[in-house]
Amino acid sequence: MNVVFDLGAVLIGWEPARLVQAHFPQRAPTEAAAMQLARALFQHEDWLNFDAGLRSLDDVVARSAQRLELPAHQLQDLLGPLGERLQPIPETEALLRALHAHRARQPGLRLFYLSNMPQPYARALERRLGLFECFDGGVFSGDVKRIKPHEEIYQLLAWRHQLEAERTLFIDDTAANVEMARALGWSAIHCTAPAALPAQVWKRLAEQAGSPR
């Protein structure tokens, strides 16, 4: 069985509304305003192109500051060191480590990541976080110039690691990404509550182990 994890909001904390509220309280005085500003920043084509390795950090800061009428130095303070600040979610990091240990009893179990992540943050996370030692491999969008939910990035992971669709479980917090995985024949979990994820994953693995080969 292959288990493929998204990182942000699944294994690593990602709360964009809180980030913008902390750095731009005057523009995000309420939760609704913070969510609106976070969408405008992190779901815009400029940011998606940063995710895909098509824009630099300096470029996305300059473009976003102009577009959203935000002070560029404050935006740099938010985005520049972000890779150094992101932290694992304890419940799901514990799940990943438990799955890694479980491979001694289930040798066919392999663990991967598939993440929309700009290169600067990807390198920082690889350097900082020990959870990467649990993976058999993975793909960052910034390294391959493709982002989820485009089919190519899923197919690239599958090709690199010979993933059989019927033996692959994908976990992501974004519905569109989950839908693409299912369209490719993978089973998938839409992770909306990380604390609930361990029970869901162990249940899927038990079901897979009990199914005929």
N, C-alpha and C. Protein backbone atom coordinates (compact mmCIF):
# COMPACT_ATOMS: atom_id res chain seq x y z
N MET A 1 0.85 -1.20 0.00
CA MET A 1 0.00 0.00 0.00
C MET A 1 0.88 1.25 0.00
N ASN A 2 0.54 2.22 -0.82
CA ASN A 2 1.23 3.50 -0.84
C ASN A 2 0.34 4.56 -0.19
N VAL A 3 0.91 5.31 0.72
CA VAL A 3 0.18 6.42 1.34
C VAL A 3 0.89 7.72 0.94
N VAL A 4 0.14 8.59 0.29
CA VAL A 4 0.70 9.85 -0.24
C VAL A 4 0.10 11.01 0.54
N PHE A 5 0.94 11.76 1.22
CA PHE A 5 0.51 12.89 2.03
C PHE A 5 0.72 14.22 1.31
N ASP A 6 -0.28 15.07 1.35
CA ASP A 6 -0.05 16.50 1.17
C ASP A 6 0.68 16.98 2.42
N LEU A 7 1.31 18.13 2.36
CA LEU A 7 2.01 18.65 3.54
C LEU A 7 1.21 19.75 4.23
N GLY A 8 0.99 20.89 3.57
CA GLY A 8 0.32 22.01 4.21
C GLY A 8 -1.08 21.69 4.67
N ALA A 9 -1.37 21.92 5.95
CA ALA A 9 -2.67 21.68 6.59
C ALA A 9 -2.97 20.20 6.76
N VAL A 10 -2.02 19.33 6.41
CA VAL A 10 -2.16 17.90 6.68
C VAL A 10 -1.05 17.46 7.63
N LEU A 11 0.20 17.62 7.22
CA LEU A 11 1.33 17.30 8.09
C LEU A 11 1.99 18.53 8.69
N ILE A 12 1.82 19.67 8.04
CA ILE A 12 2.47 20.90 8.49
C ILE A 12 1.40 21.99 8.64
N GLY A 13 1.44 22.68 9.75
CA GLY A 13 0.43 23.70 10.01
C GLY A 13 0.40 24.78 8.96
N TRP A 14 -0.78 25.11 8.49
CA TRP A 14 -0.93 26.15 7.47
C TRP A 14 -2.25 26.86 7.72
N GLU A 15 -2.16 28.08 8.28
CA GLU A 15 -3.33 28.88 8.63
C GLU A 15 -3.15 30.27 8.02
N PRO A 16 -3.39 30.42 6.73
CA PRO A 16 -3.10 31.69 6.06
C PRO A 16 -3.86 32.88 6.62
N ALA A 17 -5.09 32.69 7.06
CA ALA A 17 -5.84 33.82 7.60
C ALA A 17 -5.16 34.37 8.86
N ARG A 18 -4.67 33.49 9.70
CA ARG A 18 -3.97 33.95 10.91
C ARG A 18 -2.66 34.65 10.56
N LEU A 19 -1.99 34.16 9.53
CA LEU A 19 -0.74 34.79 9.11
C LEU A 19 -0.97 36.23 8.69
N VAL A 20 -1.95 36.44 7.81
CA VAL A 20 -2.15 37.81 7.34
C VAL A 20 -2.71 38.70 8.44
N GLN A 21 -3.50 38.14 9.34
CA GLN A 21 -4.05 38.94 10.43
C GLN A 21 -2.92 39.41 11.36
N ALA A 22 -1.92 38.53 11.58
CA ALA A 22 -0.81 38.90 12.44
C ALA A 22 0.07 39.98 11.81
N HIS A 23 0.21 39.97 10.49
CA HIS A 23 1.11 40.90 9.82
C HIS A 23 0.42 42.16 9.31
N PHE A 24 -0.89 42.05 9.07
CA PHE A 24 -1.64 43.19 8.53
C PHE A 24 -2.93 43.39 9.31
N PRO A 25 -2.82 43.66 10.61
CA PRO A 25 -4.04 43.77 11.43
C PRO A 25 -4.97 44.88 10.97
N GLN A 26 -4.40 45.94 10.38
CA GLN A 26 -5.23 47.05 9.93
C GLN A 26 -6.08 46.65 8.72
N ARG A 27 -5.61 45.70 7.91
CA ARG A 27 -6.35 45.23 6.75
C ARG A 27 -7.19 44.01 7.06
N ALA A 28 -6.95 43.39 8.19
CA ALA A 28 -7.67 42.16 8.54
C ALA A 28 -8.13 42.23 10.00
N PRO A 29 -8.98 43.19 10.32
CA PRO A 29 -9.40 43.35 11.71
C PRO A 29 -10.38 42.27 12.18
N THR A 30 -11.01 41.58 11.24
CA THR A 30 -11.96 40.54 11.59
C THR A 30 -11.56 39.24 10.90
N GLU A 31 -12.14 38.14 11.35
CA GLU A 31 -11.84 36.85 10.74
C GLU A 31 -12.24 36.83 9.27
N ALA A 32 -13.39 37.42 8.96
CA ALA A 32 -13.85 37.45 7.57
C ALA A 32 -12.90 38.25 6.70
N ALA A 33 -12.43 39.39 7.20
CA ALA A 33 -11.50 40.21 6.43
C ALA A 33 -10.16 39.49 6.25
N ALA A 34 -9.73 38.77 7.28
CA ALA A 34 -8.48 38.01 7.19
C ALA A 34 -8.59 36.91 6.15
N MET A 35 -9.71 36.22 6.13
CA MET A 35 -9.90 35.16 5.15
C MET A 35 -9.93 35.72 3.74
N GLN A 36 -10.56 36.87 3.57
CA GLN A 36 -10.62 37.51 2.25
C GLN A 36 -9.23 37.90 1.77
N LEU A 37 -8.44 38.50 2.65
CA LEU A 37 -7.09 38.91 2.27
C LEU A 37 -6.21 37.69 2.01
N ALA A 38 -6.36 36.65 2.80
CA ALA A 38 -5.56 35.43 2.59
C ALA A 38 -5.87 34.80 1.24
N ARG A 39 -7.16 34.78 0.87
CA ARG A 39 -7.52 34.25 -0.45
C ARG A 39 -6.90 35.09 -1.56
N ALA A 40 -6.96 36.40 -1.39
CA ALA A 40 -6.43 37.30 -2.42
C ALA A 40 -4.92 37.14 -2.57
N LEU A 41 -4.24 36.80 -1.50
CA LEU A 41 -2.79 36.63 -1.56
C LEU A 41 -2.40 35.23 -2.01
N PHE A 42 -2.95 34.21 -1.35
CA PHE A 42 -2.43 32.85 -1.52
C PHE A 42 -3.18 32.04 -2.59
N GLN A 43 -4.29 32.54 -3.09
CA GLN A 43 -4.99 31.80 -4.14
C GLN A 43 -4.94 32.53 -5.49
N HIS A 44 -4.17 33.56 -5.55
CA HIS A 44 -4.01 34.31 -6.80
C HIS A 44 -2.97 33.63 -7.70
N GLU A 45 -3.04 33.93 -8.98
CA GLU A 45 -2.11 33.35 -9.95
C GLU A 45 -0.66 33.65 -9.59
N ASP A 46 -0.39 34.83 -9.02
CA ASP A 46 0.98 35.17 -8.65
C ASP A 46 1.54 34.14 -7.67
N TRP A 47 0.75 33.82 -6.64
CA TRP A 47 1.22 32.85 -5.64
C TRP A 47 1.28 31.44 -6.24
N LEU A 48 0.30 31.08 -7.05
CA LEU A 48 0.32 29.75 -7.66
C LEU A 48 1.54 29.58 -8.55
N ASN A 49 1.96 30.65 -9.22
CA ASN A 49 3.16 30.58 -10.03
C ASN A 49 4.43 30.48 -9.17
N PHE A 50 4.39 31.04 -7.98
CA PHE A 50 5.48 30.85 -7.01
C PHE A 50 5.51 29.40 -6.57
N ASP A 51 4.35 28.85 -6.24
CA ASP A 51 4.25 27.43 -5.91
C ASP A 51 4.86 26.56 -7.01
N ALA A 52 4.60 26.94 -8.25
CA ALA A 52 5.02 26.13 -9.39
C ALA A 52 6.45 26.41 -9.83
N GLY A 53 7.16 27.25 -9.10
CA GLY A 53 8.54 27.52 -9.46
C GLY A 53 8.69 28.43 -10.66
N LEU A 54 7.64 29.19 -10.98
CA LEU A 54 7.67 30.07 -12.16
C LEU A 54 7.89 31.53 -11.79
N ARG A 55 7.84 31.86 -10.52
CA ARG A 55 8.16 33.20 -10.04
C ARG A 55 9.05 33.10 -8.82
N SER A 56 9.90 34.09 -8.64
CA SER A 56 10.76 34.15 -7.47
C SER A 56 10.01 34.75 -6.29
N LEU A 57 10.57 34.59 -5.11
CA LEU A 57 9.98 35.21 -3.92
C LEU A 57 9.94 36.73 -4.06
N ASP A 58 11.03 37.32 -4.51
CA ASP A 58 11.05 38.79 -4.67
C ASP A 58 9.99 39.25 -5.65
N ASP A 59 9.80 38.48 -6.71
CA ASP A 59 8.81 38.85 -7.72
C ASP A 59 7.40 38.79 -7.14
N VAL A 60 7.09 37.72 -6.42
CA VAL A 60 5.73 37.58 -5.89
C VAL A 60 5.47 38.62 -4.80
N VAL A 61 6.49 38.97 -4.04
CA VAL A 61 6.33 40.03 -3.04
C VAL A 61 6.01 41.36 -3.73
N ALA A 62 6.79 41.71 -4.75
CA ALA A 62 6.59 42.98 -5.43
C ALA A 62 5.22 43.05 -6.11
N ARG A 63 4.85 41.98 -6.80
CA ARG A 63 3.58 41.97 -7.53
C ARG A 63 2.40 41.99 -6.56
N SER A 64 2.49 41.21 -5.50
CA SER A 64 1.39 41.13 -4.54
C SER A 64 1.24 42.43 -3.76
N ALA A 65 2.36 43.04 -3.40
CA ALA A 65 2.30 44.31 -2.67
C ALA A 65 1.61 45.37 -3.51
N GLN A 66 1.94 45.43 -4.79
CA GLN A 66 1.31 46.42 -5.67
C GLN A 66 -0.16 46.11 -5.88
N ARG A 67 -0.46 44.84 -6.13
CA ARG A 67 -1.84 44.46 -6.45
C ARG A 67 -2.77 44.65 -5.25
N LEU A 68 -2.28 44.33 -4.06
CA LEU A 68 -3.13 44.37 -2.87
C LEU A 68 -2.94 45.65 -2.06
N GLU A 69 -2.06 46.53 -2.54
CA GLU A 69 -1.77 47.78 -1.85
C GLU A 69 -1.32 47.53 -0.42
N LEU A 70 -0.33 46.66 -0.30
CA LEU A 70 0.26 46.32 0.99
C LEU A 70 1.70 46.82 1.02
N PRO A 71 2.21 47.21 2.18
CA PRO A 71 3.62 47.62 2.27
C PRO A 71 4.53 46.44 1.92
N ALA A 72 5.41 46.66 0.96
CA ALA A 72 6.25 45.55 0.48
C ALA A 72 7.13 45.00 1.59
N HIS A 73 7.64 45.86 2.48
CA HIS A 73 8.54 45.36 3.52
C HIS A 73 7.78 44.47 4.51
N GLN A 74 6.51 44.79 4.77
CA GLN A 74 5.72 43.94 5.66
C GLN A 74 5.40 42.60 4.99
N LEU A 75 5.14 42.65 3.70
CA LEU A 75 4.88 41.40 2.98
C LEU A 75 6.14 40.54 2.92
N GLN A 76 7.28 41.19 2.75
CA GLN A 76 8.54 40.45 2.78
C GLN A 76 8.76 39.81 4.16
N ASP A 77 8.41 40.54 5.21
CA ASP A 77 8.55 40.01 6.57
C ASP A 77 7.67 38.78 6.79
N LEU A 78 6.52 38.75 6.12
CA LEU A 78 5.63 37.60 6.22
C LEU A 78 6.15 36.43 5.40
N LEU A 79 6.45 36.68 4.13
CA LEU A 79 6.72 35.58 3.20
C LEU A 79 8.18 35.12 3.22
N GLY A 80 9.12 36.03 3.45
CA GLY A 80 10.52 35.67 3.35
C GLY A 80 10.93 34.52 4.26
N PRO A 81 10.67 34.61 5.55
CA PRO A 81 11.11 33.56 6.48
C PRO A 81 10.06 32.46 6.73
N LEU A 82 9.04 32.39 5.90
CA LEU A 82 7.93 31.49 6.20
C LEU A 82 8.39 30.04 6.28
N GLY A 83 9.31 29.64 5.41
CA GLY A 83 9.79 28.26 5.45
C GLY A 83 10.48 27.90 6.75
N GLU A 84 11.01 28.92 7.45
CA GLU A 84 11.66 28.68 8.74
C GLU A 84 10.67 28.62 9.89
N ARG A 85 9.44 29.02 9.64
CA ARG A 85 8.46 29.13 10.73
C ARG A 85 7.41 28.02 10.72
N LEU A 86 7.20 27.40 9.57
CA LEU A 86 6.18 26.36 9.49
C LEU A 86 6.55 25.19 10.39
N GLN A 87 5.55 24.66 11.09
CA GLN A 87 5.80 23.59 12.07
C GLN A 87 4.89 22.39 11.80
N PRO A 88 5.35 21.19 12.14
CA PRO A 88 4.50 20.00 11.97
C PRO A 88 3.26 20.05 12.85
N ILE A 89 2.21 19.39 12.39
CA ILE A 89 1.01 19.17 13.20
C ILE A 89 1.26 17.92 14.04
N PRO A 90 1.24 18.01 15.36
CA PRO A 90 1.66 16.88 16.19
C PRO A 90 0.92 15.58 15.91
N GLU A 91 -0.41 15.65 15.76
CA GLU A 91 -1.19 14.42 15.58
C GLU A 91 -0.81 13.69 14.29
N THR A 92 -0.61 14.46 13.23
CA THR A 92 -0.34 13.80 11.96
C THR A 92 1.14 13.46 11.80
N GLU A 93 2.03 14.21 12.44
CA GLU A 93 3.43 13.78 12.46
C GLU A 93 3.55 12.45 13.21
N ALA A 94 2.80 12.32 14.31
CA ALA A 94 2.81 11.06 15.05
C ALA A 94 2.27 9.92 14.20
N LEU A 95 1.24 10.20 13.40
CA LEU A 95 0.71 9.19 12.48
C LEU A 95 1.77 8.77 11.48
N LEU A 96 2.45 9.74 10.86
CA LEU A 96 3.49 9.42 9.88
C LEU A 96 4.57 8.55 10.50
N ARG A 97 5.00 8.88 11.69
CA ARG A 97 6.06 8.10 12.33
C ARG A 97 5.56 6.71 12.71
N ALA A 98 4.30 6.61 13.10
CA ALA A 98 3.74 5.30 13.41
C ALA A 98 3.63 4.43 12.16
N LEU A 99 3.25 5.03 11.05
CA LEU A 99 3.21 4.29 9.79
C LEU A 99 4.60 3.83 9.38
N HIS A 100 5.57 4.71 9.58
CA HIS A 100 6.96 4.35 9.26
C HIS A 100 7.41 3.14 10.08
N ALA A 101 7.07 3.15 11.36
CA ALA A 101 7.42 2.01 12.22
C ALA A 101 6.64 0.76 11.85
N HIS A 102 5.41 0.95 11.38
CA HIS A 102 4.53 -0.18 11.05
C HIS A 102 5.04 -0.97 9.85
N ARG A 103 5.93 -0.39 9.08
CA ARG A 103 6.40 -1.08 7.88
C ARG A 103 7.15 -2.37 8.20
N ALA A 104 7.64 -2.49 9.42
CA ALA A 104 8.28 -3.75 9.81
C ALA A 104 7.28 -4.90 9.80
N ARG A 105 6.00 -4.59 10.06
CA ARG A 105 4.96 -5.62 10.06
C ARG A 105 4.19 -5.65 8.75
N GLN A 106 4.33 -4.61 7.94
CA GLN A 106 3.64 -4.55 6.65
C GLN A 106 4.64 -4.05 5.61
N PRO A 107 5.51 -4.95 5.12
CA PRO A 107 6.63 -4.53 4.28
C PRO A 107 6.22 -3.81 3.00
N GLY A 108 5.01 -4.02 2.50
CA GLY A 108 4.59 -3.37 1.27
C GLY A 108 4.14 -1.93 1.46
N LEU A 109 4.14 -1.44 2.68
CA LEU A 109 3.69 -0.08 2.97
C LEU A 109 4.80 0.91 2.61
N ARG A 110 4.46 1.89 1.76
CA ARG A 110 5.41 2.94 1.38
C ARG A 110 4.77 4.31 1.59
N LEU A 111 5.60 5.29 1.90
CA LEU A 111 5.12 6.61 2.30
C LEU A 111 5.73 7.68 1.39
N PHE A 112 4.87 8.58 0.89
CA PHE A 112 5.31 9.62 -0.03
C PHE A 112 4.63 10.94 0.32
N TYR A 113 5.16 12.03 -0.26
CA TYR A 113 4.50 13.32 -0.16
C TYR A 113 4.30 13.88 -1.55
N LEU A 114 3.26 14.68 -1.70
CA LEU A 114 2.96 15.38 -2.95
C LEU A 114 2.44 16.75 -2.55
N SER A 115 3.28 17.77 -2.70
CA SER A 115 2.98 19.06 -2.08
C SER A 115 3.15 20.22 -3.04
N ASN A 116 2.18 21.13 -3.05
CA ASN A 116 2.37 22.43 -3.69
C ASN A 116 3.21 23.27 -2.74
N MET A 117 4.47 23.46 -3.10
CA MET A 117 5.39 24.14 -2.19
C MET A 117 6.47 24.85 -3.00
N PRO A 118 6.65 26.16 -2.80
CA PRO A 118 7.73 26.87 -3.48
C PRO A 118 9.10 26.31 -3.07
N GLN A 119 10.05 26.41 -3.97
CA GLN A 119 11.37 25.86 -3.70
C GLN A 119 12.02 26.38 -2.42
N PRO A 120 11.99 27.70 -2.13
CA PRO A 120 12.67 28.14 -0.91
C PRO A 120 12.11 27.50 0.35
N TYR A 121 10.80 27.33 0.40
CA TYR A 121 10.19 26.73 1.57
C TYR A 121 10.47 25.22 1.61
N ALA A 122 10.46 24.59 0.45
CA ALA A 122 10.73 23.15 0.39
C ALA A 122 12.11 22.85 0.95
N ARG A 123 13.12 23.65 0.53
CA ARG A 123 14.48 23.40 1.01
C ARG A 123 14.57 23.64 2.52
N ALA A 124 13.89 24.67 3.01
CA ALA A 124 13.92 24.95 4.44
C ALA A 124 13.28 23.82 5.23
N LEU A 125 12.16 23.31 4.75
CA LEU A 125 11.49 22.22 5.46
C LEU A 125 12.33 20.96 5.45
N GLU A 126 12.92 20.63 4.32
CA GLU A 126 13.79 19.45 4.25
C GLU A 126 14.94 19.55 5.25
N ARG A 127 15.49 20.73 5.38
CA ARG A 127 16.63 20.92 6.28
C ARG A 127 16.19 20.88 7.75
N ARG A 128 15.02 21.42 8.03
CA ARG A 128 14.61 21.62 9.42
C ARG A 128 13.88 20.45 10.05
N LEU A 129 13.06 19.76 9.25
CA LEU A 129 12.09 18.84 9.83
C LEU A 129 12.52 17.38 9.66
N GLY A 130 12.60 16.69 10.78
CA GLY A 130 13.00 15.29 10.74
C GLY A 130 11.97 14.36 10.15
N LEU A 131 10.74 14.83 9.95
CA LEU A 131 9.71 13.93 9.44
C LEU A 131 10.02 13.45 8.02
N PHE A 132 10.89 14.15 7.29
CA PHE A 132 11.19 13.71 5.93
C PHE A 132 11.95 12.38 5.90
N GLU A 133 12.55 12.01 7.01
CA GLU A 133 13.24 10.72 7.07
C GLU A 133 12.27 9.55 6.98
N CYS A 134 10.99 9.82 7.18
CA CYS A 134 9.99 8.75 7.13
C CYS A 134 9.53 8.44 5.71
N PHE A 135 9.82 9.31 4.76
CA PHE A 135 9.28 9.14 3.41
C PHE A 135 10.20 8.31 2.51
N ASP A 136 9.57 7.60 1.59
CA ASP A 136 10.30 6.90 0.55
C ASP A 136 10.57 7.79 -0.66
N GLY A 137 9.95 8.94 -0.70
CA GLY A 137 10.15 9.88 -1.80
C GLY A 137 8.99 10.85 -1.84
N GLY A 138 9.03 11.74 -2.82
CA GLY A 138 7.96 12.71 -2.95
C GLY A 138 8.27 13.74 -4.01
N VAL A 139 7.32 14.64 -4.21
CA VAL A 139 7.44 15.67 -5.23
C VAL A 139 6.95 17.00 -4.64
N PHE A 140 7.79 18.02 -4.80
CA PHE A 140 7.39 19.40 -4.53
C PHE A 140 7.08 20.08 -5.85
N SER A 141 6.00 20.83 -5.87
CA SER A 141 5.59 21.50 -7.11
C SER A 141 6.67 22.45 -7.63
N GLY A 142 7.33 23.16 -6.74
CA GLY A 142 8.33 24.13 -7.16
C GLY A 142 9.51 23.51 -7.88
N ASP A 143 9.73 22.22 -7.64
CA ASP A 143 10.86 21.53 -8.27
C ASP A 143 10.52 21.03 -9.67
N VAL A 144 9.23 20.84 -9.96
CA VAL A 144 8.85 20.17 -11.22
C VAL A 144 8.00 21.05 -12.12
N LYS A 145 7.75 22.29 -11.68
CA LYS A 145 6.99 23.27 -12.49
C LYS A 145 5.58 22.79 -12.81
N ARG A 146 4.99 22.05 -11.90
CA ARG A 146 3.60 21.59 -12.00
C ARG A 146 2.98 21.68 -10.62
N ILE A 147 1.68 21.99 -10.55
CA ILE A 147 1.01 22.06 -9.26
C ILE A 147 -0.27 21.22 -9.30
N LYS A 148 -0.66 20.76 -8.11
CA LYS A 148 -1.98 20.14 -7.97
C LYS A 148 -3.04 21.23 -8.18
N PRO A 149 -4.18 20.93 -8.74
CA PRO A 149 -4.68 19.59 -9.09
C PRO A 149 -4.39 19.15 -10.52
N HIS A 150 -3.37 19.69 -11.17
CA HIS A 150 -3.07 19.25 -12.54
C HIS A 150 -2.60 17.80 -12.53
N GLU A 151 -3.09 17.06 -13.47
CA GLU A 151 -2.85 15.61 -13.52
C GLU A 151 -1.36 15.27 -13.59
N GLU A 152 -0.57 16.11 -14.27
CA GLU A 152 0.82 15.76 -14.54
C GLU A 152 1.64 15.52 -13.28
N ILE A 153 1.37 16.28 -12.21
CA ILE A 153 2.19 16.12 -11.02
C ILE A 153 1.89 14.81 -10.30
N TYR A 154 0.65 14.36 -10.36
CA TYR A 154 0.29 13.05 -9.80
C TYR A 154 0.97 11.94 -10.61
N GLN A 155 0.89 12.08 -11.92
CA GLN A 155 1.46 11.07 -12.79
C GLN A 155 2.97 11.01 -12.65
N LEU A 156 3.59 12.14 -12.41
CA LEU A 156 5.03 12.15 -12.21
C LEU A 156 5.43 11.38 -10.96
N LEU A 157 4.72 11.60 -9.87
CA LEU A 157 5.00 10.84 -8.64
C LEU A 157 4.79 9.35 -8.89
N ALA A 158 3.69 9.01 -9.56
CA ALA A 158 3.39 7.60 -9.82
C ALA A 158 4.46 6.97 -10.70
N TRP A 159 4.93 7.70 -11.70
CA TRP A 159 5.95 7.17 -12.60
C TRP A 159 7.28 6.99 -11.89
N ARG A 160 7.66 7.96 -11.08
CA ARG A 160 8.95 7.88 -10.40
C ARG A 160 9.02 6.70 -9.44
N HIS A 161 7.90 6.38 -8.82
CA HIS A 161 7.92 5.39 -7.75
C HIS A 161 7.04 4.17 -8.03
N GLN A 162 6.62 4.02 -9.28
CA GLN A 162 5.85 2.86 -9.70
C GLN A 162 4.65 2.63 -8.77
N LEU A 163 3.85 3.66 -8.61
CA LEU A 163 2.66 3.56 -7.77
C LEU A 163 1.52 2.95 -8.57
N GLU A 164 0.96 1.88 -8.06
CA GLU A 164 -0.24 1.31 -8.65
C GLU A 164 -1.45 2.06 -8.09
N ALA A 165 -2.31 2.54 -8.98
CA ALA A 165 -3.42 3.39 -8.56
C ALA A 165 -4.30 2.69 -7.51
N GLU A 166 -4.58 1.41 -7.75
CA GLU A 166 -5.49 0.70 -6.84
C GLU A 166 -4.87 0.42 -5.48
N ARG A 167 -3.57 0.66 -5.34
CA ARG A 167 -2.89 0.44 -4.06
C ARG A 167 -2.32 1.75 -3.51
N THR A 168 -2.94 2.88 -3.88
CA THR A 168 -2.44 4.17 -3.45
C THR A 168 -3.54 4.96 -2.76
N LEU A 169 -3.23 5.43 -1.56
CA LEU A 169 -4.13 6.27 -0.77
C LEU A 169 -3.54 7.67 -0.69
N PHE A 170 -4.32 8.67 -1.10
CA PHE A 170 -3.88 10.06 -1.14
C PHE A 170 -4.64 10.86 -0.09
N ILE A 171 -3.92 11.78 0.58
CA ILE A 171 -4.52 12.59 1.64
C ILE A 171 -4.23 14.05 1.35
N ASP A 172 -5.27 14.88 1.32
CA ASP A 172 -5.09 16.30 1.01
C ASP A 172 -6.22 17.09 1.66
N ASP A 173 -5.95 18.36 1.96
CA ASP A 173 -6.97 19.21 2.58
C ASP A 173 -7.81 19.96 1.55
N THR A 174 -7.45 19.88 0.27
CA THR A 174 -8.15 20.63 -0.78
C THR A 174 -9.00 19.70 -1.61
N ALA A 175 -10.29 20.00 -1.73
CA ALA A 175 -11.22 19.09 -2.39
C ALA A 175 -10.83 18.83 -3.84
N ALA A 176 -10.41 19.85 -4.57
CA ALA A 176 -10.06 19.66 -5.98
C ALA A 176 -8.88 18.70 -6.14
N ASN A 177 -7.94 18.76 -5.22
CA ASN A 177 -6.79 17.84 -5.29
C ASN A 177 -7.22 16.41 -5.03
N VAL A 178 -8.14 16.24 -4.09
CA VAL A 178 -8.67 14.91 -3.78
C VAL A 178 -9.45 14.36 -4.98
N GLU A 179 -10.24 15.22 -5.60
CA GLU A 179 -11.03 14.77 -6.75
C GLU A 179 -10.15 14.30 -7.90
N MET A 180 -9.03 14.98 -8.15
CA MET A 180 -8.13 14.55 -9.21
C MET A 180 -7.52 13.20 -8.89
N ALA A 181 -7.12 13.01 -7.65
CA ALA A 181 -6.56 11.71 -7.27
C ALA A 181 -7.57 10.58 -7.51
N ARG A 182 -8.80 10.84 -7.14
CA ARG A 182 -9.83 9.81 -7.36
C ARG A 182 -10.07 9.58 -8.84
N ALA A 183 -9.99 10.64 -9.63
CA ALA A 183 -10.17 10.49 -11.08
C ALA A 183 -9.08 9.61 -11.68
N LEU A 184 -7.91 9.58 -11.04
CA LEU A 184 -6.81 8.76 -11.52
C LEU A 184 -6.86 7.34 -10.97
N GLY A 185 -7.88 7.05 -10.19
CA GLY A 185 -8.04 5.70 -9.66
C GLY A 185 -7.45 5.49 -8.28
N TRP A 186 -6.89 6.55 -7.69
CA TRP A 186 -6.38 6.44 -6.33
C TRP A 186 -7.56 6.53 -5.35
N SER A 187 -7.43 5.89 -4.21
CA SER A 187 -8.37 6.18 -3.14
C SER A 187 -7.87 7.44 -2.43
N ALA A 188 -8.74 8.13 -1.73
CA ALA A 188 -8.35 9.43 -1.18
C ALA A 188 -9.15 9.77 0.06
N ILE A 189 -8.52 10.56 0.92
CA ILE A 189 -9.16 11.11 2.11
C ILE A 189 -9.07 12.63 2.02
N HIS A 190 -10.21 13.30 2.15
CA HIS A 190 -10.22 14.76 2.22
C HIS A 190 -10.03 15.13 3.69
N CYS A 191 -8.86 15.62 4.02
CA CYS A 191 -8.49 15.90 5.41
C CYS A 191 -8.97 17.30 5.79
N THR A 192 -10.05 17.37 6.55
CA THR A 192 -10.56 18.65 7.03
C THR A 192 -10.30 18.83 8.52
N ALA A 193 -9.91 17.75 9.20
CA ALA A 193 -9.62 17.80 10.63
C ALA A 193 -8.42 16.88 10.89
N PRO A 194 -7.21 17.41 10.95
CA PRO A 194 -6.04 16.56 11.12
C PRO A 194 -6.11 15.61 12.31
N ALA A 195 -6.77 16.02 13.39
CA ALA A 195 -6.87 15.14 14.56
C ALA A 195 -7.64 13.86 14.27
N ALA A 196 -8.53 13.92 13.27
CA ALA A 196 -9.33 12.75 12.92
C ALA A 196 -8.63 11.85 11.91
N LEU A 197 -7.54 12.33 11.33
CA LEU A 197 -6.90 11.59 10.25
C LEU A 197 -6.33 10.24 10.65
N PRO A 198 -5.66 10.10 11.80
CA PRO A 198 -5.09 8.79 12.13
C PRO A 198 -6.11 7.66 12.08
N ALA A 199 -7.27 7.85 12.66
CA ALA A 199 -8.29 6.79 12.65
C ALA A 199 -8.72 6.47 11.23
N GLN A 200 -8.85 7.49 10.39
CA GLN A 200 -9.26 7.26 9.01
C GLN A 200 -8.21 6.46 8.24
N VAL A 201 -6.95 6.80 8.44
CA VAL A 201 -5.89 6.11 7.70
C VAL A 201 -5.75 4.66 8.15
N TRP A 202 -5.75 4.42 9.45
CA TRP A 202 -5.62 3.04 9.92
C TRP A 202 -6.79 2.19 9.46
N LYS A 203 -7.98 2.78 9.40
CA LYS A 203 -9.14 2.04 8.90
C LYS A 203 -8.95 1.66 7.43
N ARG A 204 -8.47 2.60 6.62
CA ARG A 204 -8.24 2.30 5.20
C ARG A 204 -7.18 1.22 5.03
N LEU A 205 -6.12 1.28 5.83
CA LEU A 205 -5.07 0.27 5.72
C LEU A 205 -5.59 -1.10 6.12
N ALA A 206 -6.43 -1.15 7.15
CA ALA A 206 -6.99 -2.43 7.58
C ALA A 206 -7.90 -2.98 6.49
N GLU A 207 -8.68 -2.12 5.85
CA GLU A 207 -9.55 -2.56 4.76
C GLU A 207 -8.72 -3.08 3.60
N GLN A 208 -7.65 -2.41 3.28
CA GLN A 208 -6.78 -2.84 2.18
C GLN A 208 -6.13 -4.18 2.49
N ALA A 209 -5.69 -4.34 3.73
CA ALA A 209 -5.04 -5.60 4.12
C ALA A 209 -6.01 -6.78 4.06
N GLY A 210 -7.29 -6.48 4.29
CA GLY A 210 -8.28 -7.55 4.26
C GLY A 210 -8.86 -7.83 2.91
N SER A 211 -8.53 -7.01 1.90
CA SER A 211 -9.11 -7.20 0.57
C SER A 211 -8.29 -8.23 -0.20
N PRO A 212 -8.93 -8.98 -1.10
CA PRO A 212 -8.20 -9.97 -1.88
C PRO A 212 -7.24 -9.29 -2.86
N ARG A 213 -6.09 -9.90 -3.05
CA ARG A 213 -5.10 -9.37 -3.98
C ARG A 213 -5.37 -9.89 -5.40
